[in-house]
Amino acid sequence: MSKMTPLFSPLLVGMFPSSLPNISWATDQAQQRRAGRDVKQETRQGARETKQDCRAANETSNAACRQDKRQTKQTGRQTARDIKY
């Protein structure tokens, strides 16, 4: 057993630095996901305001206001995708 210990230690030390780039990539990916979620949250609020403003103006039908809200949310989703990928 004592002969394996000197061989095992360098192997373990050699494997550790090779795992470090994966850790930083995972951190970057987590930050991108978080930024994407933040954008989608802001978009949801913006979509609500869009619909409320549309209904308050009373110039278009409720269906048209819903479509405006959907379009606003879709734009936010695309922005979040652009951030993440």
C-alpha atoms as a PDB file:
ATOM      1  CA  MET A   1       0.000   0.000   0.000  1.00  0.00           C
ATOM      2  CA  SER A   2       2.796   2.387   0.738  1.00  0.00           C
ATOM      3  CA  LYS A   3       3.965   2.133  -2.891  1.00  0.00           C
ATOM      4  CA  MET A   4       0.588   3.302  -4.233  1.00  0.00           C
ATOM      5  CA  THR A   5       0.438   6.425  -2.084  1.00  0.00           C
ATOM      6  CA  PRO A   6       3.272   8.246  -3.894  1.00  0.00           C
ATOM      7  CA  LEU A   7       1.657   7.485  -7.262  1.00  0.00           C
ATOM      8  CA  PHE A   8      -1.823   8.428  -6.172  1.00  0.00           C
ATOM      9  CA  SER A   9      -0.962  11.895  -4.866  1.00  0.00           C
ATOM     10  CA  PRO A  10       0.476  13.280  -8.146  1.00  0.00           C
ATOM     11  CA  LEU A  11      -2.438  11.802 -10.044  1.00  0.00           C
ATOM     12  CA  LEU A  12      -4.904  13.521  -7.746  1.00  0.00           C
ATOM     13  CA  VAL A  13      -3.013  16.821  -7.926  1.00  0.00           C
ATOM     14  CA  GLY A  14      -2.892  16.565 -11.725  1.00  0.00           C
ATOM     15  CA  MET A  15      -6.645  16.040 -11.989  1.00  0.00           C
ATOM     16  CA  PHE A  16      -7.602  19.022  -9.845  1.00  0.00           C
ATOM     17  CA  PRO A  17      -6.468  21.875 -12.170  1.00  0.00           C
ATOM     18  CA  SER A  18      -8.136  20.209 -15.136  1.00  0.00           C
ATOM     19  CA  SER A  19     -11.522  20.614 -13.440  1.00  0.00           C
ATOM     20  CA  LEU A  20     -11.147  24.366 -12.836  1.00  0.00           C
ATOM     21  CA  PRO A  21     -12.192  25.593 -16.315  1.00  0.00           C
ATOM     22  CA  ASN A  22     -15.451  23.690 -15.980  1.00  0.00           C
ATOM     23  CA  ILE A  23     -16.209  25.496 -12.757  1.00  0.00           C
ATOM     24  CA  SER A  24     -15.765  28.948 -14.297  1.00  0.00           C
ATOM     25  CA  TRP A  25     -17.870  27.971 -17.311  1.00  0.00           C
ATOM     26  CA  ALA A  26     -20.662  26.821 -15.009  1.00  0.00           C
ATOM     27  CA  THR A  27     -20.496  30.127 -13.146  1.00  0.00           C
ATOM     28  CA  ASP A  28     -20.741  32.089 -16.397  1.00  0.00           C
ATOM     29  CA  GLN A  29     -23.674  29.977 -17.487  1.00  0.00           C
ATOM     30  CA  ALA A  30     -25.442  30.554 -14.162  1.00  0.00           C
ATOM     31  CA  GLN A  31     -24.953  34.304 -14.499  1.00  0.00           C
ATOM     32  CA  GLN A  32     -26.375  34.214 -18.017  1.00  0.00           C
ATOM     33  CA  ARG A  33     -29.426  32.252 -16.833  1.00  0.00           C
ATOM     34  CA  ARG A  34     -29.941  34.704 -13.999  1.00  0.00           C
ATOM     35  CA  ALA A  35     -29.720  37.658 -16.388  1.00  0.00           C
ATOM     36  CA  GLY A  36     -32.201  35.928 -18.699  1.00  0.00           C
ATOM     37  CA  ARG A  37     -34.632  35.418 -15.818  1.00  0.00           C
ATOM     38  CA  ASP A  38     -34.303  39.060 -14.823  1.00  0.00           C
ATOM     39  CA  VAL A  39     -35.102  40.155 -18.370  1.00  0.00           C
ATOM     40  CA  LYS A  40     -38.166  37.901 -18.468  1.00  0.00           C
ATOM     41  CA  GLN A  41     -39.389  39.245 -15.121  1.00  0.00           C
ATOM     42  CA  GLU A  42     -39.040  42.815 -16.341  1.00  0.00           C
ATOM     43  CA  THR A  43     -40.762  41.864 -19.576  1.00  0.00           C
ATOM     44  CA  ARG A  44     -43.749  40.406 -17.718  1.00  0.00           C
ATOM     45  CA  GLN A  45     -44.270  43.664 -15.875  1.00  0.00           C
ATOM     46  CA  GLY A  46     -43.840  45.610 -19.105  1.00  0.00           C
ATOM     47  CA  ALA A  47     -46.402  43.384 -20.823  1.00  0.00           C
ATOM     48  CA  ARG A  48     -48.913  44.005 -18.031  1.00  0.00           C
ATOM     49  CA  GLU A  49     -48.400  47.743 -18.381  1.00  0.00           C
ATOM     50  CA  THR A  50     -48.746  47.502 -22.162  1.00  0.00           C
ATOM     51  CA  LYS A  51     -52.114  45.781 -21.826  1.00  0.00           C
ATOM     52  CA  GLN A  52     -53.319  48.181 -19.120  1.00  0.00           C
ATOM     53  CA  ASP A  53     -52.333  51.185 -21.237  1.00  0.00           C
ATOM     54  CA  CYS A  54     -54.023  49.664 -24.279  1.00  0.00           C
ATOM     55  CA  ARG A  55     -57.259  49.029 -22.389  1.00  0.00           C
ATOM     56  CA  ALA A  56     -57.147  52.480 -20.781  1.00  0.00           C
ATOM     57  CA  ALA A  57     -56.817  54.113 -24.196  1.00  0.00           C
ATOM     58  CA  ASN A  58     -59.948  52.204 -25.248  1.00  0.00           C
ATOM     59  CA  GLU A  59     -58.997  52.552 -28.911  1.00  0.00           C
ATOM     60  CA  THR A  60     -58.679  48.854 -29.684  1.00  0.00           C
ATOM     61  CA  SER A  61     -60.469  45.654 -28.783  1.00  0.00           C
ATOM     62  CA  ASN A  62     -59.480  43.480 -25.858  1.00  0.00           C
ATOM     63  CA  ALA A  63     -58.219  40.851 -28.317  1.00  0.00           C
ATOM     64  CA  ALA A  64     -55.872  43.393 -29.886  1.00  0.00           C
ATOM     65  CA  CYS A  65     -54.605  44.382 -26.442  1.00  0.00           C
ATOM     66  CA  ARG A  66     -53.952  40.707 -25.643  1.00  0.00           C
ATOM     67  CA  GLN A  67     -52.015  40.374 -28.878  1.00  0.00           C
ATOM     68  CA  ASP A  68     -49.898  43.418 -27.951  1.00  0.00           C
ATOM     69  CA  LYS A  69     -49.178  41.818 -24.575  1.00  0.00           C
ATOM     70  CA  ARG A  70     -48.189  38.527 -26.236  1.00  0.00           C
ATOM     71  CA  GLN A  71     -45.898  40.324 -28.648  1.00  0.00           C
ATOM     72  CA  THR A  72     -44.215  42.203 -25.801  1.00  0.00           C
ATOM     73  CA  LYS A  73     -43.630  38.948 -23.903  1.00  0.00           C
ATOM     74  CA  GLN A  74     -42.300  37.216 -27.021  1.00  0.00           C
ATOM     75  CA  THR A  75     -39.799  40.012 -27.563  1.00  0.00           C
ATOM     76  CA  GLY A  76     -38.633  39.622 -23.953  1.00  0.00           C
ATOM     77  CA  ARG A  77     -38.251  35.873 -24.357  1.00  0.00           C
ATOM     78  CA  GLN A  78     -36.114  36.377 -27.447  1.00  0.00           C
ATOM     79  CA  THR A  79     -33.939  38.886 -25.596  1.00  0.00           C
ATOM     80  CA  ALA A  80     -33.472  36.363 -22.770  1.00  0.00           C
ATOM     81  CA  ARG A  81     -32.497  33.670 -25.306  1.00  0.00           C
ATOM     82  CA  ASP A  82     -29.966  36.003 -26.855  1.00  0.00           C
ATOM     83  CA  ILE A  83     -28.394  36.567 -23.453  1.00  0.00           C
ATOM     84  CA  LYS A  84     -28.267  32.870 -22.544  1.00  0.00           C
ATOM     85  CA  TYR A  85     -27.062  31.454 -25.842  1.00  0.00           C
END
